[in-house]
Amino acid sequence: MRISARNKLPGRVEKITRGAATANVTVAVAGMTMTAAVTVDSVEELGLREGSEVLVIIKSSDVMLAVND
């Protein structure tokens, strides 16, 4: 697999919460967790299960920060 995204983090699937069309996939990455919202079809096509090794790919044109005043 070749991809242009630079933010690629290896992780392990901790939990999959399926809805009617969308699934939230929680992944352990470097001592923290990240959650990706993907289609249920994608979960099935990728064969994702708890414990699956995955690559989290983050592609975003903007990253925002906020503070409380």
Protein backbone atom coordinates (compact mmCIF):
# COMPACT_ATOMS: atom_id res chain seq x y z
CA MET A 1 0.00 0.00 0.00
CA ARG A 2 1.27 3.44 -0.93
CA ILE A 3 -0.47 6.59 0.25
CA SER A 4 0.38 10.29 0.25
CA ALA A 5 -0.82 10.98 3.82
CA ARG A 6 2.06 11.63 6.21
CA ASN A 7 0.21 11.06 9.49
CA LYS A 8 0.19 7.26 9.74
CA LEU A 9 0.04 5.67 13.18
CA PRO A 10 0.07 1.93 13.89
CA GLY A 11 -2.56 0.76 16.36
CA ARG A 12 -4.78 -2.06 17.57
CA VAL A 13 -8.60 -2.10 17.48
CA GLU A 14 -9.99 -2.03 21.03
CA LYS A 15 -13.71 -1.74 20.39
CA ILE A 16 -16.20 -1.60 17.52
CA THR A 17 -19.61 -0.04 18.12
CA ARG A 18 -21.92 -0.71 15.18
CA GLY A 19 -24.89 1.43 14.28
CA ALA A 20 -27.31 1.00 11.39
CA ALA A 21 -24.90 2.40 8.79
CA THR A 22 -21.89 3.74 10.70
CA ALA A 23 -19.49 2.07 13.12
CA ASN A 24 -17.21 3.76 15.64
CA VAL A 25 -13.88 1.94 15.74
CA THR A 26 -11.78 2.72 18.82
CA VAL A 27 -8.07 2.15 18.28
CA ALA A 28 -5.23 2.14 20.83
CA VAL A 29 -2.36 4.26 19.49
CA ALA A 30 0.82 5.05 21.44
CA GLY A 31 -0.80 4.95 24.89
CA MET A 32 -3.96 6.81 23.88
CA THR A 33 -7.14 6.02 22.00
CA MET A 34 -8.56 7.39 18.78
CA THR A 35 -11.99 6.74 17.33
CA ALA A 36 -12.73 6.55 13.62
CA ALA A 37 -16.28 6.71 12.23
CA VAL A 38 -16.48 4.39 9.23
CA THR A 39 -19.29 2.58 7.45
CA VAL A 40 -20.39 -0.82 8.72
CA ASP A 41 -19.63 -2.11 5.21
CA SER A 42 -16.02 -0.93 5.60
CA VAL A 43 -15.68 -2.76 8.92
CA GLU A 44 -16.83 -5.95 7.22
CA GLU A 45 -14.76 -5.46 4.04
CA LEU A 46 -11.59 -4.80 6.07
CA GLY A 47 -12.34 -7.75 8.37
CA LEU A 48 -11.95 -5.57 11.46
CA ARG A 49 -12.27 -7.26 14.85
CA GLU A 50 -11.15 -6.39 18.37
CA GLY A 51 -7.40 -6.98 18.38
CA SER A 52 -6.93 -6.27 14.66
CA GLU A 53 -3.70 -4.47 13.78
CA VAL A 54 -4.51 -1.34 11.78
CA LEU A 55 -2.86 1.78 10.47
CA VAL A 56 -4.62 4.99 11.51
CA ILE A 57 -4.27 7.52 8.71
CA ILE A 58 -5.09 11.14 9.49
CA LYS A 59 -5.65 13.47 6.57
CA SER A 60 -6.92 16.90 7.42
CA SER A 61 -6.52 20.31 5.90
CA ASP A 62 -7.13 22.05 9.24
CA VAL A 63 -6.28 21.37 12.85
CA MET A 64 -7.88 23.73 15.35
CA LEU A 65 -7.16 24.47 19.00
CA ALA A 66 -9.38 26.15 21.58
CA VAL A 67 -8.97 27.45 25.12
CA ASN A 68 -11.49 28.57 27.69
CA ASP A 69 -11.36 32.31 28.43
